[in-house]
C-alpha cells in the first residue's frame, strides 16, 4: 500500500508542531517520516482549523 503524501496549499504555521512554518507547495509533514494523527490530517484537509479553510491537500 502506497503512503499518502500531502503538500501545503498555502503558507501556514503548524501550531501543533512548535510553530513549524510551511510554504505553499512544501510537503507536509516535515520530515516526511513524522507521525501525524488521522484527526490532525483531517483538520488540516478541511475548513475545521483556525484559518477556516484547507491548508494541505493530498498529492
N, C-alpha and C. Protein backbone atom coordinates (compact mmCIF):
# COMPACT_ATOMS: atom_id res chain seq x y z
N UNK A 1 0.85 -1.19 0.00
CA UNK A 1 0.00 0.00 0.00
C UNK A 1 0.89 1.25 0.00
N UNK A 2 0.62 2.16 -0.91
CA UNK A 2 1.42 3.38 -1.03
C UNK A 2 1.07 4.36 0.10
N UNK A 3 2.09 5.04 0.57
CA UNK A 3 1.89 6.04 1.61
C UNK A 3 1.30 7.31 0.99
N UNK A 4 0.29 7.85 1.64
CA UNK A 4 -0.35 9.08 1.16
C UNK A 4 0.59 10.24 1.43
N UNK A 5 0.71 11.14 0.46
CA UNK A 5 1.56 12.31 0.61
C UNK A 5 0.69 13.56 0.55
N UNK A 6 1.17 14.59 1.24
CA UNK A 6 0.42 15.85 1.32
C UNK A 6 1.36 17.01 1.01
N UNK A 7 0.76 18.12 0.55
CA UNK A 7 1.53 19.35 0.39
C UNK A 7 0.69 20.53 0.84
N UNK A 8 1.38 21.59 1.21
CA UNK A 8 0.72 22.79 1.70
C UNK A 8 0.04 23.54 0.55
N UNK A 9 -1.21 23.91 0.75
CA UNK A 9 -1.94 24.72 -0.22
C UNK A 9 -1.60 26.19 -0.10
N UNK A 10 -1.16 26.58 1.08
CA UNK A 10 -0.79 27.96 1.36
C UNK A 10 0.19 27.97 2.52
N UNK A 11 0.83 29.08 2.74
CA UNK A 11 1.80 29.19 3.83
C UNK A 11 1.04 29.17 5.16
N UNK A 12 1.54 28.38 6.11
CA UNK A 12 0.93 28.35 7.44
C UNK A 12 1.94 27.87 8.46
N UNK A 13 1.62 28.15 9.73
CA UNK A 13 2.43 27.66 10.85
C UNK A 13 1.65 26.56 11.55
N UNK A 14 2.29 25.43 11.74
CA UNK A 14 1.65 24.30 12.41
C UNK A 14 1.81 24.47 13.91
N UNK A 15 0.78 24.95 14.55
CA UNK A 15 0.83 25.23 15.98
C UNK A 15 0.96 23.97 16.83
N UNK A 16 0.62 22.83 16.26
CA UNK A 16 0.76 21.58 17.00
C UNK A 16 2.15 20.96 16.78
N UNK A 17 3.00 21.66 16.04
CA UNK A 17 4.37 21.19 15.80
C UNK A 17 5.35 22.32 16.11
N UNK A 18 5.13 22.99 17.24
CA UNK A 18 6.04 24.03 17.70
C UNK A 18 6.13 25.24 16.79
N UNK A 19 5.08 25.49 15.99
CA UNK A 19 5.07 26.65 15.12
C UNK A 19 5.86 26.46 13.83
N UNK A 20 6.12 25.20 13.46
CA UNK A 20 6.86 24.93 12.22
C UNK A 20 6.16 25.61 11.06
N UNK A 21 6.95 26.31 10.25
CA UNK A 21 6.39 27.04 9.11
C UNK A 21 6.46 26.20 7.84
N UNK A 22 5.37 26.21 7.10
CA UNK A 22 5.29 25.55 5.80
C UNK A 22 4.99 26.60 4.75
N UNK A 23 5.65 26.49 3.63
CA UNK A 23 5.40 27.38 2.50
C UNK A 23 4.50 26.66 1.51
N UNK A 24 3.78 27.42 0.71
CA UNK A 24 2.91 26.85 -0.32
C UNK A 24 3.73 25.90 -1.19
N UNK A 25 3.21 24.68 -1.39
CA UNK A 25 3.86 23.70 -2.24
C UNK A 25 4.81 22.76 -1.51
N UNK A 26 5.16 23.07 -0.26
CA UNK A 26 6.05 22.19 0.50
C UNK A 26 5.31 20.94 0.94
N UNK A 27 6.05 19.84 1.08
CA UNK A 27 5.49 18.59 1.57
C UNK A 27 5.12 18.73 3.03
N UNK A 28 4.04 18.06 3.42
CA UNK A 28 3.61 18.01 4.81
C UNK A 28 3.49 16.56 5.21
N UNK A 29 3.96 16.14 6.35
CA UNK A 29 4.77 16.87 7.32
C UNK A 29 6.25 16.82 6.96
N UNK A 30 7.02 17.58 7.65
CA UNK A 30 8.48 17.54 7.50
C UNK A 30 9.09 17.28 8.87
N UNK A 31 9.94 16.31 9.00
CA UNK A 31 10.37 15.36 7.97
C UNK A 31 9.23 14.43 7.56
N UNK A 32 9.35 13.82 6.39
CA UNK A 32 8.26 13.03 5.83
C UNK A 32 7.91 11.80 6.67
N UNK A 33 8.80 11.35 7.53
CA UNK A 33 8.50 10.18 8.37
C UNK A 33 7.87 10.57 9.71
N UNK A 34 7.59 11.85 9.90
CA UNK A 34 6.97 12.33 11.14
C UNK A 34 5.55 11.75 11.25
N UNK A 35 5.20 11.31 12.43
CA UNK A 35 3.87 10.76 12.69
C UNK A 35 2.88 11.89 12.95
N UNK A 36 1.79 11.88 12.19
CA UNK A 36 0.71 12.87 12.35
C UNK A 36 -0.58 12.08 12.49
N UNK A 37 -1.39 12.43 13.48
CA UNK A 37 -2.63 11.69 13.72
C UNK A 37 -3.62 11.90 12.56
N UNK A 38 -4.47 10.91 12.39
CA UNK A 38 -5.53 10.98 11.37
C UNK A 38 -6.43 12.18 11.65
N UNK A 39 -6.70 12.43 12.93
CA UNK A 39 -7.53 13.57 13.33
C UNK A 39 -6.89 14.89 12.89
N UNK A 40 -5.59 15.04 13.09
CA UNK A 40 -4.89 16.27 12.69
C UNK A 40 -4.89 16.42 11.18
N UNK A 41 -4.64 15.35 10.45
CA UNK A 41 -4.67 15.42 8.99
C UNK A 41 -6.05 15.87 8.51
N UNK A 42 -7.10 15.29 9.07
CA UNK A 42 -8.46 15.68 8.68
C UNK A 42 -8.74 17.14 8.98
N UNK A 43 -8.21 17.63 10.10
CA UNK A 43 -8.38 19.04 10.45
C UNK A 43 -7.72 19.94 9.41
N UNK A 44 -6.50 19.59 9.01
CA UNK A 44 -5.76 20.41 8.04
C UNK A 44 -6.31 20.28 6.62
N UNK A 45 -6.94 19.14 6.32
CA UNK A 45 -7.53 18.91 4.99
C UNK A 45 -8.89 19.60 4.84
N UNK A 46 -9.48 20.03 5.95
CA UNK A 46 -10.82 20.62 5.92
C UNK A 46 -10.77 22.08 6.36
N UNK A 47 -11.95 22.65 6.51
CA UNK A 47 -12.03 24.03 6.99
C UNK A 47 -12.18 24.07 8.51
N UNK A 48 -12.02 22.93 9.17
CA UNK A 48 -12.16 22.83 10.63
C UNK A 48 -10.83 23.14 11.33
N UNK A 49 -10.24 24.28 11.00
CA UNK A 49 -8.99 24.72 11.63
C UNK A 49 -9.06 26.23 11.83
N UNK A 50 -8.03 26.80 12.41
CA UNK A 50 -8.06 28.24 12.75
C UNK A 50 -8.18 29.15 11.54
N UNK A 51 -7.69 28.70 10.37
CA UNK A 51 -7.77 29.54 9.17
C UNK A 51 -9.13 29.43 8.48
N UNK A 52 -9.91 28.41 8.82
CA UNK A 52 -11.25 28.25 8.24
C UNK A 52 -11.25 27.77 6.81
N UNK A 53 -10.13 27.20 6.35
CA UNK A 53 -10.04 26.63 5.01
C UNK A 53 -8.94 25.57 4.98
N UNK A 54 -9.01 24.63 4.04
CA UNK A 54 -7.96 23.61 3.97
C UNK A 54 -6.59 24.22 3.77
N UNK A 55 -5.59 23.68 4.46
CA UNK A 55 -4.21 24.19 4.32
C UNK A 55 -3.26 23.16 3.70
N UNK A 56 -3.73 21.89 3.60
CA UNK A 56 -2.95 20.87 2.90
C UNK A 56 -3.85 20.13 1.94
N UNK A 57 -3.23 19.44 0.98
CA UNK A 57 -4.00 18.59 0.05
C UNK A 57 -3.22 17.31 -0.18
N UNK A 58 -3.94 16.28 -0.57
CA UNK A 58 -3.33 15.00 -0.90
C UNK A 58 -2.73 15.11 -2.30
N UNK A 59 -1.52 14.57 -2.48
CA UNK A 59 -0.87 14.58 -3.81
C UNK A 59 -0.53 13.18 -4.23
